[in-house]
Amino acid sequence: MRRKRTGLVLMAAMGVAAWTQAASAQAFGLRELSRETKECLECHQKLDVGVYQQWGSSKHFRANVGCYECHGAQPGDKDAFDHMGYTISVLVTPKDCSKCHSKEVEEFLGSHHASAGRILGSLDNVLAEVVEGNQGMVTPGHPEGVSASAVNGCWQCHGSEVKVLPGGKLDPSTWPNSGIGRINPDGTQGSCNACHTRHDFSAAQARHPDTCGKCHLGPDHPQKEIYEESKHGIAFFSRIDEMNMDSSKWIVGEDYWAAPTCATCHMSATKTQSVTHDIGMRISWNNRPPMSVRPEKADAKMGLPGKDVSWQVRRSNMQDVCTSCHQKQWVENFYTQYDSLIELYNTKFGKPSAELYALAKKTKAHPTPFSTEADWVYFELWHHEGRRARHGAAMMAPDYTHWHGMYEVAETFYTKYIPALEDLVRDARDSGDAGRIKAADALQKKIDEVLNTDDHKWFLGKMDPAEAAKRKARQAEFKARYKD
């Protein structure tokens, strides 16, 4: 006989009963392990000892929520299959978790995290699928082939589109996968165990910055390394024993005050805010694109509910976190510094380089991405160096803001990007193609226009005489201060 998912209904009923029947009062959850779960454990506590022990240390165990309550499925589910007389699914999706954690899932599904799988087919993915890879990984779900670089790289953070094979088996190119924007067979996006690793689903683990470091590190978004450099990270790792990470409540300034983690600032509770699983509700700049934009603009582009939440509201939310440890003036002055760096990057490098690139693409012999030096240089200018600078300023890591950030942005812009654009101009003018020649003239005009602005004219030896005199005086003061 096939059993259907009944444990969750029982859980809800028992939760109500717990409040109304004093004689059988108990904590929220099932009164005891379900018959289905007990039968699962007869085998799996021997076959999967690690999984069994992880579950045994979890709050799910204490609430009598077991194997079947999460893995039980309906016969019509796309990924359902028969296992020892039960209809189950290997995948546990946000839809499954929402049976008990509806608020958390609703917030998560409205976030950029849950939408991370939309990278599939983007310019970033072109790198992994074409430039770095080929179609050599052939599976039943991808008979035409797919790039192993994308499968093992991009998809493991952003999420794969899980493909189900006959009998409920999952295609090896798309599973295992805990990418936070995973596209699931039931139509949901996301993976809760990207942060709450199965099968203990620990809140303490999700609060630790190392958990975020699975994805948020490296040349293009090194938030993990930035955090470790910052005073926040230094305080955390030197006082981790004071962080009270296992607290169910975990309110900053109440349950701990030694340091914040990623979760503290972006998700966790304060004395006036509850936990949120939408990590965008406390950021006032989206620093992912070539130019930083306000988050509601990015949310509107992606059709997310955050489009109706202004950056001012989000900043107020984050400042509430900040003032759990810092005074108001400190917080306000930090945001003045941060906004100024974003404005500097956007106006001096972000906007001009984007305008130049739009013209540069018209000069190319063919439109293939990453086919010229200018393509690569522009991509790294904003995608790597520009992001590092902006994220470094957001999280107060001066080395990433300067040496790994704005310094490399400037070096790339002046010594690589401008020369690469000028090479495109020469190549187009030599092509004999009237259209490309016209595009080259427009690009050269824009190059000259940009370099003759106040921000860049120093590069042409046209620094304002007053500014040049000021710089010379500053150098003299420096030499006098550090003379032998």
Protein backbone atom coordinates (compact mmCIF):
# COMPACT_ATOMS: atom_id res chain seq x y z
CA MET A 1 0.00 0.00 0.00
CA ARG A 2 1.36 3.40 -0.95
CA ARG A 3 1.41 5.91 1.88
CA LYS A 4 0.93 9.58 1.12
CA ARG A 5 2.33 12.51 3.01
CA THR A 6 0.30 12.42 6.23
CA GLY A 7 2.89 13.33 8.83
CA LEU A 8 2.66 17.05 8.19
CA VAL A 9 -1.08 17.07 8.70
CA LEU A 10 -0.59 15.23 11.95
CA MET A 11 2.06 17.75 12.97
CA ALA A 12 -0.31 20.66 12.51
CA ALA A 13 -3.07 18.87 14.42
CA MET A 14 -0.78 17.92 17.28
CA GLY A 15 0.54 21.48 17.43
CA VAL A 16 -2.98 22.74 18.10
CA ALA A 17 -3.67 19.97 20.55
CA ALA A 18 -0.56 20.86 22.50
CA TRP A 19 -2.09 24.22 23.35
CA THR A 20 -5.51 22.89 24.28
CA GLN A 21 -4.90 19.67 26.12
CA ALA A 22 -2.87 20.27 29.25
CA ALA A 23 -2.70 16.56 30.01
CA SER A 24 -0.71 15.93 26.84
CA ALA A 25 1.05 19.29 26.53
CA GLN A 26 4.32 19.10 24.61
CA ALA A 27 6.73 21.14 22.50
CA PHE A 28 5.72 21.96 18.93
CA GLY A 29 6.05 18.94 16.70
CA LEU A 30 4.79 15.40 16.39
CA ARG A 31 3.93 13.52 19.57
CA GLU A 32 6.25 10.72 18.49
CA LEU A 33 8.09 9.50 15.43
CA SER A 34 5.69 8.44 12.70
CA ARG A 35 5.38 4.78 11.76
CA GLU A 36 6.76 5.61 8.31
CA THR A 37 9.89 7.23 9.71
CA LYS A 38 10.45 4.37 12.13
CA GLU A 39 10.38 1.95 9.21
CA CYS A 40 12.86 4.14 7.29
CA LEU A 41 15.21 4.09 10.27
CA GLU A 42 15.23 0.31 10.48
CA CYS A 43 17.54 0.36 7.45
CA HIS A 44 18.96 3.84 7.20
CA GLN A 45 20.39 4.11 10.69
CA LYS A 46 22.64 1.21 9.63
CA LEU A 47 23.21 2.10 6.00
CA ASP A 48 23.63 5.87 6.45
CA VAL A 49 25.19 6.26 9.87
CA GLY A 50 26.44 9.80 9.23
CA VAL A 51 23.05 10.99 8.00
CA TYR A 52 21.34 9.29 10.95
CA GLN A 53 23.68 10.94 13.47
CA GLN A 54 23.30 14.37 11.86
CA TRP A 55 19.55 14.08 12.02
CA GLY A 56 19.81 12.82 15.59
CA SER A 57 21.57 16.03 16.65
CA SER A 58 19.00 18.26 14.97
CA LYS A 59 15.94 20.08 16.24
CA HIS A 60 13.95 18.04 13.74
CA PHE A 61 14.79 14.98 15.79
CA ARG A 62 13.57 16.64 18.98
CA ALA A 63 10.32 17.55 17.21
CA ASN A 64 9.90 13.98 15.89
CA VAL A 65 10.22 15.22 12.32
CA GLY A 66 11.97 12.45 10.47
CA CYS A 67 12.75 10.91 7.10
CA TYR A 68 9.21 10.55 5.84
CA GLU A 69 7.99 13.96 6.96
CA CYS A 70 10.52 15.56 4.60
CA HIS A 71 10.98 12.95 1.86
CA GLY A 72 7.42 11.65 1.60
CA ALA A 73 5.87 12.48 -1.77
CA GLN A 74 2.66 12.23 -3.75
CA PRO A 75 2.43 9.69 -6.61
CA GLY A 76 1.97 12.47 -9.16
CA ASP A 77 5.12 14.37 -8.18
CA LYS A 78 7.66 14.54 -11.02
CA ASP A 79 10.52 13.22 -8.91
CA ALA A 80 8.49 10.67 -6.91
CA PHE A 81 9.34 6.97 -6.96
CA ASP A 82 8.38 3.86 -5.07
CA HIS A 83 10.75 2.77 -2.33
CA MET A 84 9.90 -0.18 -0.12
CA GLY A 85 6.19 0.47 -0.51
CA TYR A 86 6.43 4.23 0.09
CA THR A 87 6.20 7.08 -2.41
CA ILE A 88 9.20 9.30 -1.73
CA SER A 89 11.49 11.87 -3.34
CA VAL A 90 15.23 12.34 -2.89
CA LEU A 91 14.87 16.10 -3.32
CA VAL A 92 13.57 18.23 -0.48
CA THR A 93 12.56 21.57 -1.95
CA PRO A 94 11.44 24.89 -0.49
CA LYS A 95 7.88 23.75 -1.17
CA ASP A 96 8.44 20.82 1.17
CA CYS A 97 10.06 23.01 3.83
CA SER A 98 7.20 25.52 3.60
CA LYS A 99 4.83 23.02 5.18
CA CYS A 100 6.35 24.01 8.50
CA HIS A 101 8.49 27.05 7.65
CA SER A 102 6.10 29.08 5.50
CA LYS A 103 7.33 32.55 6.48
CA GLU A 104 10.97 31.69 5.91
CA VAL A 105 10.27 30.14 2.52
CA GLU A 106 8.09 33.04 1.39
CA GLU A 107 10.88 35.50 2.21
CA PHE A 108 13.52 33.30 0.64
CA LEU A 109 11.59 32.83 -2.61
CA GLY A 110 11.36 36.61 -2.97
CA SER A 111 15.13 37.04 -2.66
CA HIS A 112 18.03 37.20 -5.09
CA HIS A 113 19.35 34.03 -3.50
CA ALA A 114 16.40 31.98 -4.76
CA SER A 115 16.76 33.56 -8.20
CA ALA A 116 20.46 32.74 -8.54
CA GLY A 117 19.71 29.95 -11.01
CA ARG A 118 18.74 32.56 -13.55
CA ILE A 119 22.45 32.88 -14.34
CA LEU A 120 21.98 29.88 -16.64
CA GLY A 121 22.49 31.20 -20.16
CA SER A 122 23.98 34.53 -19.02
CA LEU A 123 27.29 36.02 -20.10
CA ASP A 124 28.94 34.45 -17.05
CA ASN A 125 27.70 31.05 -18.12
CA VAL A 126 29.03 31.58 -21.66
CA LEU A 127 32.47 31.47 -20.11
CA ALA A 128 31.89 28.09 -18.48
CA GLU A 129 29.88 26.56 -21.32
CA VAL A 130 31.82 27.80 -24.35
CA VAL A 131 35.06 29.62 -23.57
CA GLU A 132 36.25 27.28 -20.82
CA GLY A 133 34.22 24.21 -21.73
CA ASN A 134 32.64 22.09 -24.41
CA GLN A 135 29.67 19.74 -24.75
CA GLY A 136 31.66 16.71 -23.67
CA MET A 137 29.59 15.70 -20.63
CA VAL A 138 26.78 13.62 -22.09
CA THR A 139 24.05 12.35 -19.75
CA PRO A 140 20.48 11.09 -20.18
CA GLY A 141 19.18 14.50 -19.16
CA HIS A 142 21.61 16.28 -21.50
CA PRO A 143 22.01 13.96 -24.52
CA GLU A 144 23.29 16.91 -26.54
CA GLY A 145 26.07 17.35 -24.00
CA VAL A 146 26.87 19.98 -21.42
CA SER A 147 30.04 21.60 -20.09
CA ALA A 148 31.61 19.91 -17.08
CA SER A 149 33.00 23.33 -16.12
CA ALA A 150 29.48 24.70 -15.72
CA VAL A 151 28.22 21.58 -13.92
CA ASN A 152 31.06 21.54 -11.40
CA GLY A 153 31.47 25.29 -11.12
CA CYS A 154 28.69 27.77 -11.81
CA TRP A 155 25.81 25.40 -11.08
CA GLN A 156 27.11 24.33 -7.69
CA CYS A 157 26.64 27.83 -6.29
CA HIS A 158 23.91 29.26 -8.50
CA GLY A 159 21.95 26.04 -8.82
CA SER A 160 21.18 23.59 -11.60
CA GLU A 161 17.90 22.83 -13.31
CA VAL A 162 17.34 19.40 -11.80
CA LYS A 163 16.28 16.89 -14.45
CA VAL A 164 14.33 13.79 -13.45
CA LEU A 165 14.92 10.50 -15.24
CA PRO A 166 12.53 7.55 -15.40
CA GLY A 167 11.91 5.92 -12.03
CA GLY A 168 12.62 9.11 -10.08
CA LYS A 169 16.36 9.01 -10.70
CA LEU A 170 18.08 12.41 -10.97
CA ASP A 171 20.37 13.22 -13.88
CA PRO A 172 24.05 13.25 -12.80
CA SER A 173 24.73 16.53 -14.55
CA THR A 174 22.15 18.25 -12.32
CA TRP A 175 22.41 16.28 -9.08
CA PRO A 176 23.97 16.33 -6.51
CA ASN A 177 23.42 20.06 -6.31
CA SER A 178 22.75 22.40 -3.40
CA GLY A 179 23.02 25.62 -5.40
CA ILE A 180 21.01 28.28 -3.67
CA GLY A 181 18.98 29.08 -6.80
CA ARG A 182 18.42 25.49 -7.85
CA ILE A 183 15.45 25.03 -10.19
CA ASN A 184 13.43 22.13 -8.80
CA PRO A 185 11.08 19.71 -10.58
CA ASP A 186 8.12 20.95 -8.51
CA GLY A 187 8.51 24.44 -9.96
CA THR A 188 10.16 26.05 -6.94
CA GLN A 189 13.47 27.86 -6.99
CA GLY A 190 16.15 27.48 -4.38
CA SER A 191 17.67 25.09 -1.92
CA CYS A 192 17.32 25.59 1.82
CA ASN A 193 20.20 23.22 2.49
CA ALA A 194 22.57 25.56 0.68
CA CYS A 195 22.86 27.26 4.08
CA HIS A 196 21.23 24.78 6.46
CA THR A 197 23.27 21.74 5.51
CA ARG A 198 21.39 18.49 5.70
CA HIS A 199 20.60 16.55 7.80
CA ASP A 200 21.15 18.57 10.95
CA PHE A 201 19.90 21.82 9.35
CA SER A 202 21.77 23.82 11.96
CA ALA A 203 20.95 27.49 12.50
CA ALA A 204 24.36 27.92 14.14
CA GLN A 205 26.07 26.68 11.00
CA ALA A 206 24.05 29.05 8.82
CA ARG A 207 25.14 31.92 11.09
CA HIS A 208 28.83 31.17 10.60
CA PRO A 209 30.62 33.18 7.87
CA ASP A 210 32.29 30.04 6.56
CA THR A 211 28.89 28.87 5.34
CA CYS A 212 28.51 31.97 3.16
CA GLY A 213 32.07 31.39 1.97
CA LYS A 214 31.00 28.39 -0.11
CA CYS A 215 29.94 30.89 -2.78
CA HIS A 216 30.88 34.39 -1.65
CA LEU A 217 34.63 34.32 -2.24
CA GLY A 218 37.09 34.54 -5.10
CA PRO A 219 38.09 37.23 -7.59
CA ASP A 220 34.64 38.56 -8.43
CA HIS A 221 32.83 38.58 -5.07
CA PRO A 222 35.29 37.95 -2.22
CA GLN A 223 32.91 38.80 0.63
CA LYS A 224 34.36 35.99 2.76
CA GLU A 225 37.91 37.32 2.42
CA ILE A 226 36.70 40.90 2.82
CA TYR A 227 34.91 39.98 6.05
CA GLU A 228 38.01 38.26 7.40
CA GLU A 229 40.07 41.41 6.76
CA SER A 230 37.52 43.71 8.36
CA LYS A 231 37.41 44.61 12.05
CA HIS A 232 34.15 42.66 12.22
CA GLY A 233 35.83 39.47 11.04
CA ILE A 234 38.86 39.99 13.26
CA ALA A 235 36.57 40.37 16.26
CA PHE A 236 34.54 37.29 15.32
CA PHE A 237 37.45 34.88 14.91
CA SER A 238 39.21 36.13 18.05
CA ARG A 239 36.04 35.93 20.19
CA ILE A 240 34.08 33.12 18.58
CA ASP A 241 33.55 31.44 21.94
CA GLU A 242 31.49 34.46 23.01
CA MET A 243 29.14 34.40 20.02
CA ASN A 244 26.46 32.13 21.53
CA MET A 245 25.84 30.69 18.06
CA ASP A 246 23.53 27.93 19.29
CA SER A 247 21.02 30.33 20.85
CA SER A 248 17.55 29.86 19.41
CA LYS A 249 16.81 33.56 19.75
CA TRP A 250 20.23 35.01 18.84
CA ILE A 251 19.45 38.71 19.01
CA VAL A 252 22.42 41.00 18.46
CA GLY A 253 23.12 43.21 21.45
CA GLU A 254 21.16 40.84 23.67
CA ASP A 255 22.42 37.30 23.15
CA TYR A 256 25.82 38.34 21.81
CA TRP A 257 27.79 41.50 21.16
CA ALA A 258 31.37 40.35 20.54
CA ALA A 259 31.06 40.68 16.74
CA PRO A 260 28.62 40.44 13.83
CA THR A 261 28.62 37.72 11.18
CA CYS A 262 27.21 37.85 7.64
CA ALA A 263 23.91 36.58 9.04
CA THR A 264 23.86 39.24 11.77
CA CYS A 265 23.86 42.08 9.28
CA HIS A 266 21.83 40.59 6.45
CA MET A 267 19.36 38.21 8.08
CA SER A 268 19.30 37.77 11.83
CA ALA A 269 17.17 39.39 14.51
CA THR A 270 17.78 42.66 16.31
CA LYS A 271 15.86 44.01 19.26
CA THR A 272 13.43 45.65 16.84
CA GLN A 273 13.60 43.40 13.73
CA SER A 274 12.77 39.75 13.27
CA VAL A 275 14.81 37.32 11.20
CA THR A 276 14.49 37.70 7.43
CA HIS A 277 15.38 35.19 4.74
CA ASP A 278 15.43 37.87 2.05
CA ILE A 279 19.05 38.98 2.14
CA GLY A 280 18.29 42.09 0.08
CA MET A 281 16.13 43.80 2.67
CA ARG A 282 19.08 45.51 4.36
CA ILE A 283 21.27 46.53 1.43
CA SER A 284 21.05 50.01 -0.07
CA TRP A 285 23.26 49.38 -3.13
CA ASN A 286 23.33 46.41 -5.48
CA ASN A 287 27.02 46.16 -6.34
CA ARG A 288 26.76 43.20 -8.70
CA PRO A 289 26.18 45.02 -12.05
CA PRO A 290 28.78 47.01 -14.04
CA MET A 291 27.48 50.08 -12.20
CA SER A 292 25.99 49.99 -8.72
CA VAL A 293 22.23 50.49 -8.68
CA ARG A 294 19.62 50.81 -5.99
CA PRO A 295 18.29 47.37 -5.02
CA GLU A 296 14.65 48.07 -5.81
CA LYS A 297 15.70 48.76 -9.40
CA ALA A 298 17.42 45.37 -9.62
CA ASP A 299 14.43 43.66 -7.98
CA ALA A 300 12.04 45.23 -10.49
CA LYS A 301 14.18 43.96 -13.36
CA MET A 302 13.93 40.45 -11.95
CA GLY A 303 10.25 40.70 -11.04
CA LEU A 304 10.88 40.28 -7.30
CA PRO A 305 8.61 41.68 -4.57
CA GLY A 306 11.46 43.84 -3.28
CA LYS A 307 10.75 46.25 -6.14
CA ASP A 308 8.28 47.94 -3.79
CA VAL A 309 10.80 48.37 -0.93
CA SER A 310 12.90 51.52 -1.26
CA TRP A 311 16.61 51.65 -0.60
CA GLN A 312 15.96 54.15 2.18
CA VAL A 313 13.84 51.58 4.05
CA ARG A 314 16.49 48.93 3.54
CA ARG A 315 19.22 51.26 4.75
CA SER A 316 17.20 52.03 7.85
CA ASN A 317 16.92 48.29 8.45
CA MET A 318 20.69 47.88 8.24
CA GLN A 319 21.39 50.94 10.36
CA ASP A 320 19.22 49.38 13.04
CA VAL A 321 21.64 46.44 13.03
CA CYS A 322 24.65 48.76 13.13
CA THR A 323 23.35 50.74 16.09
CA SER A 324 23.17 47.56 18.12
CA CYS A 325 26.92 48.11 18.58
CA HIS A 326 27.76 51.55 17.16
CA GLN A 327 26.58 55.06 17.89
CA LYS A 328 24.50 56.99 15.36
CA GLN A 329 27.29 59.34 14.20
CA TRP A 330 29.61 56.41 13.51
CA VAL A 331 26.96 54.72 11.39
CA GLU A 332 26.01 57.83 9.45
CA ASN A 333 29.63 58.73 8.74
CA PHE A 334 30.34 55.20 7.52
CA TYR A 335 27.53 55.49 5.00
CA THR A 336 28.90 58.84 3.82
CA GLN A 337 32.23 57.12 3.14
CA TYR A 338 30.59 54.15 1.45
CA ASP A 339 28.29 56.23 -0.78
CA SER A 340 31.25 58.37 -1.84
CA LEU A 341 33.19 55.31 -3.00
CA ILE A 342 30.21 54.05 -4.99
CA GLU A 343 29.79 57.47 -6.58
CA LEU A 344 33.51 57.61 -7.41
CA TYR A 345 33.48 54.19 -9.08
CA ASN A 346 30.22 54.79 -10.95
CA THR A 347 31.09 58.20 -12.34
CA LYS A 348 34.83 57.89 -12.98
CA PHE A 349 35.00 54.33 -14.27
CA GLY A 350 31.67 52.50 -14.33
CA LYS A 351 29.65 54.75 -16.61
CA PRO A 352 32.45 55.82 -19.00
CA SER A 353 33.75 52.26 -19.45
CA ALA A 354 30.24 50.97 -20.17
CA GLU A 355 29.60 53.70 -22.73
CA LEU A 356 32.92 52.96 -24.38
CA TYR A 357 32.19 49.24 -24.52
CA ALA A 358 28.78 49.79 -26.12
CA LEU A 359 30.55 51.62 -28.95
CA ALA A 360 33.45 49.14 -29.04
CA LYS A 361 31.15 46.19 -29.79
CA LYS A 362 30.06 47.91 -33.01
CA THR A 363 33.64 48.01 -34.29
CA LYS A 364 34.23 44.26 -33.99
CA ALA A 365 34.43 42.04 -37.05
CA HIS A 366 31.93 39.67 -35.42
CA PRO A 367 29.83 39.99 -32.24
CA THR A 368 31.14 36.88 -30.44
CA PRO A 369 31.65 37.57 -26.71
CA PHE A 370 35.19 37.31 -25.35
CA SER A 371 36.70 37.37 -28.83
CA THR A 372 38.86 40.48 -28.33
CA GLU A 373 41.16 41.84 -25.66
CA ALA A 374 38.68 44.63 -25.00
CA ASP A 375 35.94 42.09 -24.16
CA TRP A 376 38.08 40.38 -21.53
CA VAL A 377 39.48 43.57 -20.06
CA TYR A 378 36.11 45.28 -19.71
CA PHE A 379 34.58 42.17 -18.12
CA GLU A 380 37.29 41.93 -15.49
CA LEU A 381 37.27 45.68 -14.89
CA TRP A 382 33.70 45.66 -13.58
CA HIS A 383 33.06 41.99 -12.81
CA HIS A 384 36.22 41.42 -10.78
CA GLU A 385 38.03 44.61 -9.84
CA GLY A 386 35.06 46.94 -9.69
CA ARG A 387 33.06 44.55 -7.55
CA ARG A 388 35.98 44.03 -5.17
CA ALA A 389 36.31 47.76 -4.63
CA ARG A 390 32.61 48.27 -3.99
CA HIS A 391 32.15 45.23 -1.77
CA GLY A 392 35.33 46.13 0.10
CA ALA A 393 33.92 49.55 0.93
CA ALA A 394 30.54 48.06 1.89
CA MET A 395 32.16 45.75 4.42
CA MET A 396 35.03 47.98 5.57
CA ALA A 397 38.04 46.12 4.17
CA PRO A 398 40.51 48.83 3.09
CA ASP A 399 42.94 46.53 1.27
CA TYR A 400 40.17 45.14 -0.91
CA THR A 401 38.74 48.61 -1.47
CA HIS A 402 42.10 50.02 -2.56
CA TRP A 403 44.82 47.58 -3.66
CA HIS A 404 42.55 44.78 -4.85
CA GLY A 405 39.89 47.26 -5.90
CA MET A 406 40.24 50.84 -7.10
CA TYR A 407 43.98 50.51 -7.77
CA GLU A 408 43.36 47.57 -10.11
CA VAL A 409 40.34 49.29 -11.67
CA ALA A 410 42.51 52.29 -12.51
CA GLU A 411 45.46 50.22 -13.73
CA THR A 412 43.18 48.16 -15.96
CA PHE A 413 41.32 51.19 -17.29
CA TYR A 414 44.39 53.23 -18.25
CA THR A 415 46.97 50.59 -19.22
CA LYS A 416 44.76 47.80 -20.64
CA TYR A 417 41.28 48.99 -21.50
CA ILE A 418 42.09 52.23 -23.33
CA PRO A 419 44.89 50.55 -25.36
CA ALA A 420 42.56 47.61 -26.20
CA LEU A 421 39.89 50.04 -27.41
CA GLU A 422 42.45 51.92 -29.50
CA ASP A 423 43.48 48.59 -31.04
CA LEU A 424 39.85 48.04 -32.04
CA VAL A 425 39.76 51.48 -33.63
CA ARG A 426 42.86 50.77 -35.71
CA ASP A 427 41.63 47.32 -36.72
CA ALA A 428 38.24 48.65 -37.79
CA ARG A 429 39.72 51.54 -39.74
CA ASP A 430 42.03 49.12 -41.57
CA SER A 431 39.16 46.76 -42.41
CA GLY A 432 37.77 48.72 -45.34
CA ASP A 433 34.27 48.08 -43.98
CA ALA A 434 32.37 51.39 -44.05
CA GLY A 435 30.18 50.44 -41.13
CA ARG A 436 33.08 49.43 -38.92
CA ILE A 437 35.04 52.54 -39.90
CA LYS A 438 32.10 54.74 -38.88
CA ALA A 439 31.85 52.86 -35.57
CA ALA A 440 35.60 53.28 -35.03
CA ASP A 441 35.37 57.03 -35.52
CA ALA A 442 32.55 57.20 -32.94
CA LEU A 443 34.57 55.13 -30.49
CA GLN A 444 37.69 57.28 -30.91
CA LYS A 445 35.62 60.41 -30.38
CA LYS A 446 34.27 58.94 -27.14
CA ILE A 447 37.74 57.91 -25.97
CA ASP A 448 38.97 61.47 -26.50
CA GLU A 449 35.92 62.87 -24.76
CA VAL A 450 36.36 60.65 -21.70
CA LEU A 451 40.10 61.21 -21.36
CA ASN A 452 39.69 64.99 -21.56
CA THR A 453 37.25 65.13 -18.62
CA ASP A 454 38.45 66.43 -15.26
CA ASP A 455 38.62 62.87 -13.91
CA HIS A 456 40.99 61.60 -16.58
CA LYS A 457 42.86 64.49 -18.18
CA TRP A 458 45.85 63.92 -15.89
CA PHE A 459 46.52 60.85 -18.06
CA LEU A 460 47.08 63.15 -21.06
CA GLY A 461 49.38 65.43 -19.07
CA LYS A 462 46.65 68.06 -18.80
CA MET A 463 46.30 68.29 -15.03
CA ASP A 464 45.05 71.68 -13.87
CA PRO A 465 48.10 73.86 -12.94
CA ALA A 466 46.66 74.63 -9.50
CA GLU A 467 46.11 70.95 -8.82
CA ALA A 468 49.62 70.15 -10.10
CA ALA A 469 51.11 72.73 -7.73
CA LYS A 470 49.11 71.30 -4.86
CA ARG A 471 50.37 67.79 -5.62
CA LYS A 472 53.96 69.05 -5.79
CA ALA A 473 53.62 70.78 -2.41
CA ARG A 474 52.19 67.61 -0.84
CA GLN A 475 55.14 65.59 -2.16
CA ALA A 476 57.59 68.10 -0.69
CA GLU A 477 55.84 67.87 2.69
CA PHE A 478 56.05 64.07 2.56
CA LYS A 479 59.79 64.11 1.81
CA ALA A 480 60.42 66.61 4.58
CA ARG A 481 58.43 64.53 7.05
CA TYR A 482 60.33 61.33 6.30
CA LYS A 483 63.80 62.73 5.54
CA ASP A 484 66.83 60.83 6.89
